[in-house]
Amino acid sequence: MSARALRSRLAVLLVAVLGLTSALTACSSDSSDGGTATTEASGPAPGVEAAGVALDEGRTVIDVRTPEEYDAGHVTDAELIDIQGTEFDARIAELDPDGAYVVYCRSGNRSAAAARAMEAAGLDVIDGGGLDDMEAAGWPTEA
């Protein structure tokens, strides 16, 4: 095999590995277990103030965490749509396109991804950040 063909194959392999790494990172849980260093943003998620306002607007609240996390505690009347579940896209497609939504997760990573997906689907959505952020914005919670 020529050096040029080898470089070409290595470049394709590198792009594939980087793409796979990005996809796996985006789909992973936002847990920081395992000793991995994480960078915490200072202050609340960008939509938390808006989520506080949304409390008075009657927006539908969507919890994008796992069923186990939801069962441990969630915003009162929140609908569970697990972003890591196989039916996430289908469930988002079933939402009322004229509705208004607030999404949250544990720390804000998954809710940001969910908000982007919902915005891409043409939905009016606010990223409420993490459950602690939602509580701080005044949303009631239950177990």
C-alpha atoms as a PDB file:
ATOM      1  CA  MET A   1       0.000   0.000   0.000  1.00  0.00           C
ATOM      2  CA  SER A   2       1.332   3.423  -0.902  1.00  0.00           C
ATOM      3  CA  ALA A   3       2.101   6.061   1.702  1.00  0.00           C
ATOM      4  CA  ARG A   4      -0.649   8.278   0.284  1.00  0.00           C
ATOM      5  CA  ALA A   5      -3.280   5.539   0.576  1.00  0.00           C
ATOM      6  CA  LEU A   6      -2.131   4.797   4.121  1.00  0.00           C
ATOM      7  CA  ARG A   7      -2.417   8.476   5.115  1.00  0.00           C
ATOM      8  CA  SER A   8      -5.862   8.626   3.555  1.00  0.00           C
ATOM      9  CA  ARG A   9      -7.044   5.579   5.500  1.00  0.00           C
ATOM     10  CA  LEU A  10      -5.574   6.950   8.732  1.00  0.00           C
ATOM     11  CA  ALA A  11      -7.372  10.253   8.188  1.00  0.00           C
ATOM     12  CA  VAL A  12     -10.690   8.453   7.646  1.00  0.00           C
ATOM     13  CA  LEU A  13     -10.095   6.343  10.752  1.00  0.00           C
ATOM     14  CA  LEU A  14      -9.266   9.445  12.813  1.00  0.00           C
ATOM     15  CA  VAL A  15     -12.447  11.209  11.680  1.00  0.00           C
ATOM     16  CA  ALA A  16     -14.516   8.108  12.500  1.00  0.00           C
ATOM     17  CA  VAL A  17     -12.992   7.801  15.980  1.00  0.00           C
ATOM     18  CA  LEU A  18     -13.536  11.502  16.712  1.00  0.00           C
ATOM     19  CA  GLY A  19     -17.139  11.294  15.495  1.00  0.00           C
ATOM     20  CA  LEU A  20     -17.827   8.221  17.607  1.00  0.00           C
ATOM     21  CA  THR A  21     -16.244   9.841  20.649  1.00  0.00           C
ATOM     22  CA  SER A  22     -18.392  12.949  20.198  1.00  0.00           C
ATOM     23  CA  ALA A  23     -21.546  10.872  19.784  1.00  0.00           C
ATOM     24  CA  LEU A  24     -20.832   8.779  22.863  1.00  0.00           C
ATOM     25  CA  THR A  25     -20.031  11.845  24.937  1.00  0.00           C
ATOM     26  CA  ALA A  26     -23.259  13.566  23.899  1.00  0.00           C
ATOM     27  CA  CYS A  27     -25.302  10.485  24.761  1.00  0.00           C
ATOM     28  CA  SER A  28     -23.615   9.694  28.040  1.00  0.00           C
ATOM     29  CA  SER A  29     -25.038  10.363  31.484  1.00  0.00           C
ATOM     30  CA  ASP A  30     -23.917  13.610  33.012  1.00  0.00           C
ATOM     31  CA  SER A  31     -22.632  11.821  36.107  1.00  0.00           C
ATOM     32  CA  SER A  32     -19.093  12.736  37.059  1.00  0.00           C
ATOM     33  CA  ASP A  33     -18.289   9.369  38.648  1.00  0.00           C
ATOM     34  CA  GLY A  34     -15.104   7.587  37.670  1.00  0.00           C
ATOM     35  CA  GLY A  35     -12.619  10.269  38.631  1.00  0.00           C
ATOM     36  CA  THR A  36     -13.075  12.277  35.460  1.00  0.00           C
ATOM     37  CA  ALA A  37     -12.440  15.963  35.928  1.00  0.00           C
ATOM     38  CA  THR A  38     -15.435  18.126  35.071  1.00  0.00           C
ATOM     39  CA  THR A  39     -15.697  21.844  34.581  1.00  0.00           C
ATOM     40  CA  GLU A  40     -18.638  23.385  36.364  1.00  0.00           C
ATOM     41  CA  ALA A  41     -20.082  26.553  34.902  1.00  0.00           C
ATOM     42  CA  SER A  42     -20.321  29.370  37.382  1.00  0.00           C
ATOM     43  CA  GLY A  43     -23.907  30.229  38.172  1.00  0.00           C
ATOM     44  CA  PRO A  44     -27.093  28.570  36.995  1.00  0.00           C
ATOM     45  CA  ALA A  45     -27.867  27.242  33.525  1.00  0.00           C
ATOM     46  CA  PRO A  46     -28.738  29.979  31.006  1.00  0.00           C
ATOM     47  CA  GLY A  47     -32.469  29.224  31.017  1.00  0.00           C
ATOM     48  CA  VAL A  48     -32.980  29.014  34.774  1.00  0.00           C
ATOM     49  CA  GLU A  49     -34.208  32.596  35.130  1.00  0.00           C
ATOM     50  CA  ALA A  50     -36.515  31.983  32.188  1.00  0.00           C
ATOM     51  CA  ALA A  51     -37.631  28.740  33.840  1.00  0.00           C
ATOM     52  CA  GLY A  52     -38.647  30.763  36.882  1.00  0.00           C
ATOM     53  CA  VAL A  53     -40.749  33.007  34.663  1.00  0.00           C
ATOM     54  CA  ALA A  54     -42.122  29.948  32.860  1.00  0.00           C
ATOM     55  CA  LEU A  55     -43.552  28.674  36.148  1.00  0.00           C
ATOM     56  CA  ASP A  56     -46.213  31.355  35.804  1.00  0.00           C
ATOM     57  CA  GLU A  57     -46.763  30.666  32.099  1.00  0.00           C
ATOM     58  CA  GLY A  58     -48.097  27.139  32.511  1.00  0.00           C
ATOM     59  CA  ARG A  59     -45.420  25.482  30.396  1.00  0.00           C
ATOM     60  CA  THR A  60     -45.288  21.693  30.232  1.00  0.00           C
ATOM     61  CA  VAL A  61     -42.303  20.415  32.212  1.00  0.00           C
ATOM     62  CA  ILE A  62     -40.274  17.548  30.756  1.00  0.00           C
ATOM     63  CA  ASP A  63     -37.745  15.583  32.805  1.00  0.00           C
ATOM     64  CA  VAL A  64     -35.162  14.084  30.431  1.00  0.00           C
ATOM     65  CA  ARG A  65     -33.406  11.934  33.055  1.00  0.00           C
ATOM     66  CA  THR A  66     -33.674   8.170  33.430  1.00  0.00           C
ATOM     67  CA  PRO A  67     -36.753   6.543  34.992  1.00  0.00           C
ATOM     68  CA  GLU A  68     -34.687   5.699  38.086  1.00  0.00           C
ATOM     69  CA  GLU A  69     -33.646   9.326  38.545  1.00  0.00           C
ATOM     70  CA  TYR A  70     -37.233  10.471  37.981  1.00  0.00           C
ATOM     71  CA  ASP A  71     -38.551   8.037  40.607  1.00  0.00           C
ATOM     72  CA  ALA A  72     -36.039   9.391  43.145  1.00  0.00           C
ATOM     73  CA  GLY A  73     -37.531  12.881  42.829  1.00  0.00           C
ATOM     74  CA  HIS A  74     -38.830  15.197  40.119  1.00  0.00           C
ATOM     75  CA  VAL A  75     -40.662  18.436  39.454  1.00  0.00           C
ATOM     76  CA  THR A  76     -44.340  17.996  40.311  1.00  0.00           C
ATOM     77  CA  ASP A  77     -46.363  16.915  37.239  1.00  0.00           C
ATOM     78  CA  ALA A  78     -43.237  16.652  35.067  1.00  0.00           C
ATOM     79  CA  GLU A  79     -43.500  14.323  32.098  1.00  0.00           C
ATOM     80  CA  LEU A  80     -40.646  11.820  31.789  1.00  0.00           C
ATOM     81  CA  ILE A  81     -39.020  11.600  28.360  1.00  0.00           C
ATOM     82  CA  ASP A  82     -35.625   9.928  28.853  1.00  0.00           C
ATOM     83  CA  ILE A  83     -33.149  11.506  26.426  1.00  0.00           C
ATOM     84  CA  GLN A  84     -31.058   8.333  26.619  1.00  0.00           C
ATOM     85  CA  GLY A  85     -34.071   6.163  25.780  1.00  0.00           C
ATOM     86  CA  THR A  86     -34.616   4.709  22.330  1.00  0.00           C
ATOM     87  CA  GLU A  87     -37.950   6.504  21.943  1.00  0.00           C
ATOM     88  CA  PHE A  88     -36.792  10.056  22.703  1.00  0.00           C
ATOM     89  CA  ASP A  89     -37.116  11.359  19.135  1.00  0.00           C
ATOM     90  CA  ALA A  90     -40.505   9.701  18.656  1.00  0.00           C
ATOM     91  CA  ARG A  91     -41.803  11.118  21.937  1.00  0.00           C
ATOM     92  CA  ILE A  92     -40.607  14.612  21.007  1.00  0.00           C
ATOM     93  CA  ALA A  93     -42.352  14.293  17.641  1.00  0.00           C
ATOM     94  CA  GLU A  94     -45.622  13.541  19.490  1.00  0.00           C
ATOM     95  CA  LEU A  95     -45.521  16.800  21.479  1.00  0.00           C
ATOM     96  CA  ASP A  96     -47.969  19.578  20.613  1.00  0.00           C
ATOM     97  CA  PRO A  97     -46.147  21.914  18.199  1.00  0.00           C
ATOM     98  CA  ASP A  98     -48.146  24.822  19.646  1.00  0.00           C
ATOM     99  CA  GLY A  99     -47.165  23.904  23.211  1.00  0.00           C
ATOM    100  CA  ALA A 100     -44.520  25.540  25.367  1.00  0.00           C
ATOM    101  CA  TYR A 101     -42.030  23.419  27.301  1.00  0.00           C
ATOM    102  CA  VAL A 102     -39.331  23.502  29.978  1.00  0.00           C
ATOM    103  CA  VAL A 103     -36.785  20.655  30.105  1.00  0.00           C
ATOM    104  CA  TYR A 104     -34.441  19.704  32.928  1.00  0.00           C
ATOM    105  CA  CYS A 105     -32.119  16.868  33.964  1.00  0.00           C
ATOM    106  CA  ARG A 106     -29.718  16.390  36.880  1.00  0.00           C
ATOM    107  CA  SER A 107     -27.064  18.987  36.162  1.00  0.00           C
ATOM    108  CA  GLY A 108     -27.988  20.651  32.876  1.00  0.00           C
ATOM    109  CA  ASN A 109     -26.005  18.647  30.305  1.00  0.00           C
ATOM    110  CA  ARG A 110     -28.799  16.391  29.085  1.00  0.00           C
ATOM    111  CA  SER A 111     -31.387  19.166  29.257  1.00  0.00           C
ATOM    112  CA  ALA A 112     -29.218  21.321  26.976  1.00  0.00           C
ATOM    113  CA  ALA A 113     -29.040  18.496  24.424  1.00  0.00           C
ATOM    114  CA  ALA A 114     -32.784  17.887  24.719  1.00  0.00           C
ATOM    115  CA  ALA A 115     -33.553  21.592  24.304  1.00  0.00           C
ATOM    116  CA  ARG A 116     -31.436  21.709  21.136  1.00  0.00           C
ATOM    117  CA  ALA A 117     -33.261  18.671  19.727  1.00  0.00           C
ATOM    118  CA  MET A 118     -36.647  20.139  20.592  1.00  0.00           C
ATOM    119  CA  GLU A 119     -35.758  23.521  19.088  1.00  0.00           C
ATOM    120  CA  ALA A 120     -34.635  21.726  15.933  1.00  0.00           C
ATOM    121  CA  ALA A 121     -38.082  20.097  15.856  1.00  0.00           C
ATOM    122  CA  GLY A 122     -39.644  23.567  15.963  1.00  0.00           C
ATOM    123  CA  LEU A 123     -40.803  23.484  19.588  1.00  0.00           C
ATOM    124  CA  ASP A 124     -40.862  26.421  22.028  1.00  0.00           C
ATOM    125  CA  VAL A 125     -38.565  25.180  24.796  1.00  0.00           C
ATOM    126  CA  ILE A 126     -36.601  26.592  27.725  1.00  0.00           C
ATOM    127  CA  ASP A 127     -33.614  24.710  29.138  1.00  0.00           C
ATOM    128  CA  GLY A 128     -34.261  24.737  32.883  1.00  0.00           C
ATOM    129  CA  GLY A 129     -30.875  23.216  33.687  1.00  0.00           C
ATOM    130  CA  GLY A 130     -30.678  20.758  36.567  1.00  0.00           C
ATOM    131  CA  LEU A 131     -33.230  19.723  39.166  1.00  0.00           C
ATOM    132  CA  ASP A 132     -31.567  21.965  41.779  1.00  0.00           C
ATOM    133  CA  ASP A 133     -31.871  24.883  39.354  1.00  0.00           C
ATOM    134  CA  MET A 134     -35.569  24.167  38.837  1.00  0.00           C
ATOM    135  CA  GLU A 135     -36.149  24.059  42.603  1.00  0.00           C
ATOM    136  CA  ALA A 136     -34.273  27.358  42.980  1.00  0.00           C
ATOM    137  CA  ALA A 137     -36.532  28.854  40.290  1.00  0.00           C
ATOM    138  CA  GLY A 138     -39.557  27.956  42.410  1.00  0.00           C
ATOM    139  CA  TRP A 139     -40.779  24.743  40.813  1.00  0.00           C
ATOM    140  CA  PRO A 140     -42.279  22.320  43.378  1.00  0.00           C
ATOM    141  CA  THR A 141     -40.850  18.790  43.529  1.00  0.00           C
ATOM    142  CA  GLU A 142     -42.039  15.384  44.688  1.00  0.00           C
ATOM    143  CA  ALA A 143     -40.670  11.857  45.006  1.00  0.00           C
END
